[in-house]
Amino acid sequence: ATGAYSLPLATYLYDAGYPVSVENAARIHAFGQSELIRNKTDKGDAKMIARYCHLHKPPEWKPVPVNERKLQVLINRLNTLKEMKRMEENRALTSETIVQDSIQKVIAALDEEIKEIEQAIKKHIDNDPDLKKNQALLESIPGVGEILSTTLLGYVGDMSRFSSNKALVAYA
């Protein structure tokens, strides 16, 4: 499985010392179809997954470092708050005057939360030498500012782990 729901389990197993591979469910499903496996039981699925792993030897998965995970969480929260603010601003354009004051209060509260999360992101990067170094490196590229560099750090992480520009683009 891939996605937000599988990551806590995969991280837990990795931290406990188990080898972990994270595979796309569609790939496993296609393997089962190619093997003409039609069972719909958990036991049957477990056997099919074990056979897939035995034959294909998927690479071991390693979790994103904690500092990058925390940055991702902060960036996701910031994006959520900004989306909530846009929703309220749109609501303000079409709502009756009787609720305008309430909407403006919500927008003001969201502005405060956005500022707090932005400060938390800045502090998190400033307190981590690797993140700070990578942000400075990214911002040395013409056209890349604080917002883009922070987003790239959060979602791509340490770019030195990529062997080439093509590898980075393939990841993104």
C-alpha atoms as a PDB file:
ATOM      1  CA  ALA A   1       0.000   0.000   0.000  1.00  0.00           C
ATOM      2  CA  THR A   2       1.035   3.586  -0.504  1.00  0.00           C
ATOM      3  CA  GLY A   3      -0.215   6.804   0.965  1.00  0.00           C
ATOM      4  CA  ALA A   4      -0.853   8.401   4.305  1.00  0.00           C
ATOM      5  CA  TYR A   5      -2.608   5.390   5.829  1.00  0.00           C
ATOM      6  CA  SER A   6       0.234   2.928   5.289  1.00  0.00           C
ATOM      7  CA  LEU A   7       3.065   5.180   6.458  1.00  0.00           C
ATOM      8  CA  PRO A   8       2.471   4.969  10.227  1.00  0.00           C
ATOM      9  CA  LEU A   9       2.521   1.156  10.094  1.00  0.00           C
ATOM     10  CA  ALA A  10       5.536   1.068   7.783  1.00  0.00           C
ATOM     11  CA  THR A  11       7.402   3.506  10.038  1.00  0.00           C
ATOM     12  CA  TYR A  12       6.518   1.506  13.149  1.00  0.00           C
ATOM     13  CA  LEU A  13       7.766  -1.731  11.583  1.00  0.00           C
ATOM     14  CA  TYR A  14      10.940  -0.051  10.326  1.00  0.00           C
ATOM     15  CA  ASP A  15      11.630   1.443  13.767  1.00  0.00           C
ATOM     16  CA  ALA A  16      11.104  -2.028  15.284  1.00  0.00           C
ATOM     17  CA  GLY A  17      13.857  -3.390  13.037  1.00  0.00           C
ATOM     18  CA  TYR A  18      11.791  -5.201  10.414  1.00  0.00           C
ATOM     19  CA  PRO A  19      12.667  -4.912   6.729  1.00  0.00           C
ATOM     20  CA  VAL A  20       9.858  -2.991   5.030  1.00  0.00           C
ATOM     21  CA  SER A  21       8.913  -2.535   1.387  1.00  0.00           C
ATOM     22  CA  VAL A  22       6.143  -0.181   0.360  1.00  0.00           C
ATOM     23  CA  GLU A  23       4.611  -1.239  -2.929  1.00  0.00           C
ATOM     24  CA  ASN A  24       1.802   0.147  -5.020  1.00  0.00           C
ATOM     25  CA  ALA A  25      -1.340  -1.933  -4.496  1.00  0.00           C
ATOM     26  CA  ALA A  26      -2.123  -1.826  -8.223  1.00  0.00           C
ATOM     27  CA  ARG A  27       1.214  -3.506  -8.962  1.00  0.00           C
ATOM     28  CA  ILE A  28       0.465  -6.316  -6.505  1.00  0.00           C
ATOM     29  CA  HIS A  29      -3.047  -6.676  -7.937  1.00  0.00           C
ATOM     30  CA  ALA A  30      -1.681  -6.882 -11.495  1.00  0.00           C
ATOM     31  CA  PHE A  31       0.789  -9.536 -10.334  1.00  0.00           C
ATOM     32  CA  GLY A  32      -2.063 -11.563  -8.859  1.00  0.00           C
ATOM     33  CA  GLN A  33      -4.002 -11.310 -12.106  1.00  0.00           C
ATOM     34  CA  SER A  34      -0.965 -12.377 -14.133  1.00  0.00           C
ATOM     35  CA  GLU A  35      -0.645 -15.423 -11.868  1.00  0.00           C
ATOM     36  CA  LEU A  36      -4.366 -16.141 -12.366  1.00  0.00           C
ATOM     37  CA  ILE A  37      -4.913 -15.881  -8.622  1.00  0.00           C
ATOM     38  CA  ARG A  38      -8.580 -15.224  -7.938  1.00  0.00           C
ATOM     39  CA  ASN A  39      -8.992 -15.772  -4.206  1.00  0.00           C
ATOM     40  CA  LYS A  40     -10.513 -13.047  -2.055  1.00  0.00           C
ATOM     41  CA  THR A  41      -9.306 -14.059   1.392  1.00  0.00           C
ATOM     42  CA  ASP A  42      -6.736 -12.408   3.634  1.00  0.00           C
ATOM     43  CA  LYS A  43      -4.764 -15.646   3.772  1.00  0.00           C
ATOM     44  CA  GLY A  44      -4.741 -15.878  -0.019  1.00  0.00           C
ATOM     45  CA  ASP A  45      -3.719 -12.235  -0.340  1.00  0.00           C
ATOM     46  CA  ALA A  46      -0.873 -12.778   2.141  1.00  0.00           C
ATOM     47  CA  LYS A  47       0.411 -15.734   0.107  1.00  0.00           C
ATOM     48  CA  MET A  48       0.227 -13.744  -3.117  1.00  0.00           C
ATOM     49  CA  ILE A  49       2.087 -10.788  -1.572  1.00  0.00           C
ATOM     50  CA  ALA A  50       4.749 -13.134  -0.189  1.00  0.00           C
ATOM     51  CA  ARG A  51       5.164 -14.707  -3.638  1.00  0.00           C
ATOM     52  CA  TYR A  52       5.409 -11.262  -5.245  1.00  0.00           C
ATOM     53  CA  CYS A  53       8.112 -10.222  -2.759  1.00  0.00           C
ATOM     54  CA  HIS A  54      10.001 -13.491  -3.221  1.00  0.00           C
ATOM     55  CA  LEU A  55      10.052 -13.128  -7.014  1.00  0.00           C
ATOM     56  CA  HIS A  56      10.472  -9.366  -7.405  1.00  0.00           C
ATOM     57  CA  LYS A  57      12.576  -8.493  -4.342  1.00  0.00           C
ATOM     58  CA  PRO A  58      11.167  -4.972  -3.918  1.00  0.00           C
ATOM     59  CA  PRO A  59      13.640  -2.462  -2.479  1.00  0.00           C
ATOM     60  CA  GLU A  60      13.662  -1.848   1.242  1.00  0.00           C
ATOM     61  CA  TRP A  61      11.829   1.279   2.275  1.00  0.00           C
ATOM     62  CA  LYS A  62      13.242   3.842   4.664  1.00  0.00           C
ATOM     63  CA  PRO A  63      11.081   6.517   6.235  1.00  0.00           C
ATOM     64  CA  VAL A  64      11.627  10.160   5.551  1.00  0.00           C
ATOM     65  CA  PRO A  65      13.905  11.573   8.264  1.00  0.00           C
ATOM     66  CA  VAL A  66      12.033  12.988  11.259  1.00  0.00           C
ATOM     67  CA  ASN A  67      13.088  16.575  10.524  1.00  0.00           C
ATOM     68  CA  GLU A  68      11.627  16.341   7.006  1.00  0.00           C
ATOM     69  CA  ARG A  69       8.475  14.591   8.270  1.00  0.00           C
ATOM     70  CA  LYS A  70       7.852  17.412  10.746  1.00  0.00           C
ATOM     71  CA  LEU A  71       8.360  19.976   7.991  1.00  0.00           C
ATOM     72  CA  GLN A  72       5.843  18.117   5.801  1.00  0.00           C
ATOM     73  CA  VAL A  73       3.292  18.172   8.616  1.00  0.00           C
ATOM     74  CA  LEU A  74       3.784  21.910   9.116  1.00  0.00           C
ATOM     75  CA  ILE A  75       3.517  22.627   5.382  1.00  0.00           C
ATOM     76  CA  ASN A  76       0.377  20.497   5.081  1.00  0.00           C
ATOM     77  CA  ARG A  77      -1.174  22.385   7.986  1.00  0.00           C
ATOM     78  CA  LEU A  78      -0.237  25.730   6.434  1.00  0.00           C
ATOM     79  CA  ASN A  79      -1.814  24.719   3.121  1.00  0.00           C
ATOM     80  CA  THR A  80      -4.977  23.569   4.908  1.00  0.00           C
ATOM     81  CA  LEU A  81      -5.271  26.870   6.775  1.00  0.00           C
ATOM     82  CA  LYS A  82      -4.749  28.866   3.577  1.00  0.00           C
ATOM     83  CA  GLU A  83      -7.447  26.835   1.835  1.00  0.00           C
ATOM     84  CA  MET A  84      -9.819  27.409   4.754  1.00  0.00           C
ATOM     85  CA  LYS A  85      -9.123  31.147   4.522  1.00  0.00           C
ATOM     86  CA  ARG A  86      -9.855  31.145   0.763  1.00  0.00           C
ATOM     87  CA  MET A  87     -13.135  29.353   1.447  1.00  0.00           C
ATOM     88  CA  GLU A  88     -14.142  31.962   4.015  1.00  0.00           C
ATOM     89  CA  GLU A  89     -13.125  34.820   1.708  1.00  0.00           C
ATOM     90  CA  ASN A  90     -15.264  33.320  -1.061  1.00  0.00           C
ATOM     91  CA  ARG A  91     -18.111  32.876   1.404  1.00  0.00           C
ATOM     92  CA  ALA A  92     -17.804  36.552   2.369  1.00  0.00           C
ATOM     93  CA  LEU A  93     -18.386  37.562  -1.249  1.00  0.00           C
ATOM     94  CA  THR A  94     -21.810  35.935  -1.415  1.00  0.00           C
ATOM     95  CA  SER A  95     -23.082  35.896   2.158  1.00  0.00           C
ATOM     96  CA  GLU A  96     -25.718  38.094   3.729  1.00  0.00           C
ATOM     97  CA  THR A  97     -24.555  41.072   5.778  1.00  0.00           C
ATOM     98  CA  ILE A  98     -25.899  39.453   8.941  1.00  0.00           C
ATOM     99  CA  VAL A  99     -23.038  36.880   8.871  1.00  0.00           C
ATOM    100  CA  GLN A 100     -20.260  39.101   7.496  1.00  0.00           C
ATOM    101  CA  ASP A 101     -18.934  39.945  10.965  1.00  0.00           C
ATOM    102  CA  SER A 102     -18.678  36.259  11.840  1.00  0.00           C
ATOM    103  CA  ILE A 103     -16.878  35.469   8.591  1.00  0.00           C
ATOM    104  CA  GLN A 104     -14.396  38.307   9.147  1.00  0.00           C
ATOM    105  CA  LYS A 105     -13.648  37.005  12.658  1.00  0.00           C
ATOM    106  CA  VAL A 106     -12.932  33.549  11.255  1.00  0.00           C
ATOM    107  CA  ILE A 107     -10.662  35.047   8.578  1.00  0.00           C
ATOM    108  CA  ALA A 108      -8.786  37.034  11.242  1.00  0.00           C
ATOM    109  CA  ALA A 109      -8.345  33.903  13.372  1.00  0.00           C
ATOM    110  CA  LEU A 110      -7.091  31.976  10.344  1.00  0.00           C
ATOM    111  CA  ASP A 111      -4.624  34.787   9.571  1.00  0.00           C
ATOM    112  CA  GLU A 112      -3.214  34.423  13.098  1.00  0.00           C
ATOM    113  CA  GLU A 113      -2.887  30.646  12.769  1.00  0.00           C
ATOM    114  CA  ILE A 114      -1.229  31.031   9.366  1.00  0.00           C
ATOM    115  CA  LYS A 115       1.338  33.423  10.878  1.00  0.00           C
ATOM    116  CA  GLU A 116       2.032  31.000  13.740  1.00  0.00           C
ATOM    117  CA  ILE A 117       2.566  28.051  11.405  1.00  0.00           C
ATOM    118  CA  GLU A 118       4.783  30.136   9.109  1.00  0.00           C
ATOM    119  CA  GLN A 119       6.888  31.085  12.139  1.00  0.00           C
ATOM    120  CA  ALA A 120       7.027  27.440  13.249  1.00  0.00           C
ATOM    121  CA  ILE A 121       8.227  26.429   9.765  1.00  0.00           C
ATOM    122  CA  LYS A 122      10.927  29.111   9.783  1.00  0.00           C
ATOM    123  CA  LYS A 123      12.048  28.111  13.292  1.00  0.00           C
ATOM    124  CA  HIS A 124      12.098  24.418  12.354  1.00  0.00           C
ATOM    125  CA  ILE A 125      14.319  25.088   9.330  1.00  0.00           C
ATOM    126  CA  ASP A 126      16.573  27.514  11.227  1.00  0.00           C
ATOM    127  CA  ASN A 127      17.094  24.934  14.000  1.00  0.00           C
ATOM    128  CA  ASP A 128      18.117  22.167  11.584  1.00  0.00           C
ATOM    129  CA  PRO A 129      21.532  22.684   9.941  1.00  0.00           C
ATOM    130  CA  ASP A 130      20.772  20.342   7.016  1.00  0.00           C
ATOM    131  CA  LEU A 131      17.420  21.926   6.210  1.00  0.00           C
ATOM    132  CA  LYS A 132      18.903  25.408   6.550  1.00  0.00           C
ATOM    133  CA  LYS A 133      21.830  24.543   4.243  1.00  0.00           C
ATOM    134  CA  ASN A 134      19.530  22.977   1.641  1.00  0.00           C
ATOM    135  CA  GLN A 135      17.167  25.947   1.773  1.00  0.00           C
ATOM    136  CA  ALA A 136      20.059  28.353   1.149  1.00  0.00           C
ATOM    137  CA  LEU A 137      21.206  26.176  -1.744  1.00  0.00           C
ATOM    138  CA  LEU A 138      17.722  26.147  -3.273  1.00  0.00           C
ATOM    139  CA  GLU A 139      17.312  29.893  -2.849  1.00  0.00           C
ATOM    140  CA  SER A 140      20.579  30.452  -4.727  1.00  0.00           C
ATOM    141  CA  ILE A 141      18.671  29.354  -7.847  1.00  0.00           C
ATOM    142  CA  PRO A 142      17.200  32.377  -9.661  1.00  0.00           C
ATOM    143  CA  GLY A 143      13.437  32.517  -9.159  1.00  0.00           C
ATOM    144  CA  VAL A 144      13.389  30.252  -6.102  1.00  0.00           C
ATOM    145  CA  GLY A 145      12.307  32.091  -2.978  1.00  0.00           C
ATOM    146  CA  GLU A 146      11.423  31.148   0.573  1.00  0.00           C
ATOM    147  CA  ILE A 147       7.974  29.722  -0.204  1.00  0.00           C
ATOM    148  CA  LEU A 148       9.127  27.440  -3.038  1.00  0.00           C
ATOM    149  CA  SER A 149      12.309  26.350  -1.253  1.00  0.00           C
ATOM    150  CA  THR A 150      10.351  25.483   1.889  1.00  0.00           C
ATOM    151  CA  THR A 151       7.793  23.502  -0.093  1.00  0.00           C
ATOM    152  CA  LEU A 152      10.497  21.623  -1.993  1.00  0.00           C
ATOM    153  CA  LEU A 153      12.314  20.809   1.243  1.00  0.00           C
ATOM    154  CA  GLY A 154       9.103  19.500   2.755  1.00  0.00           C
ATOM    155  CA  TYR A 155       8.099  17.279  -0.126  1.00  0.00           C
ATOM    156  CA  VAL A 156      11.403  16.331  -1.739  1.00  0.00           C
ATOM    157  CA  GLY A 157      13.755  16.563   1.224  1.00  0.00           C
ATOM    158  CA  ASP A 158      17.499  16.258   0.856  1.00  0.00           C
ATOM    159  CA  MET A 159      18.089  16.610  -2.859  1.00  0.00           C
ATOM    160  CA  SER A 160      21.640  15.288  -2.627  1.00  0.00           C
ATOM    161  CA  ARG A 161      20.147  11.778  -2.430  1.00  0.00           C
ATOM    162  CA  PHE A 162      19.261  12.014  -6.125  1.00  0.00           C
ATOM    163  CA  SER A 163      21.953  10.892  -8.546  1.00  0.00           C
ATOM    164  CA  SER A 164      20.837  13.256 -11.309  1.00  0.00           C
ATOM    165  CA  ASN A 165      18.331  15.915 -12.308  1.00  0.00           C
ATOM    166  CA  LYS A 166      16.353  13.187 -14.086  1.00  0.00           C
ATOM    167  CA  ALA A 167      16.121  11.162 -10.875  1.00  0.00           C
ATOM    168  CA  LEU A 168      14.753  14.202  -9.041  1.00  0.00           C
ATOM    169  CA  VAL A 169      12.183  14.886 -11.773  1.00  0.00           C
ATOM    170  CA  ALA A 170      11.132  11.214 -11.777  1.00  0.00           C
ATOM    171  CA  TYR A 171      10.613  11.380  -8.001  1.00  0.00           C
ATOM    172  CA  ALA A 172       8.529  14.537  -8.249  1.00  0.00           C
END
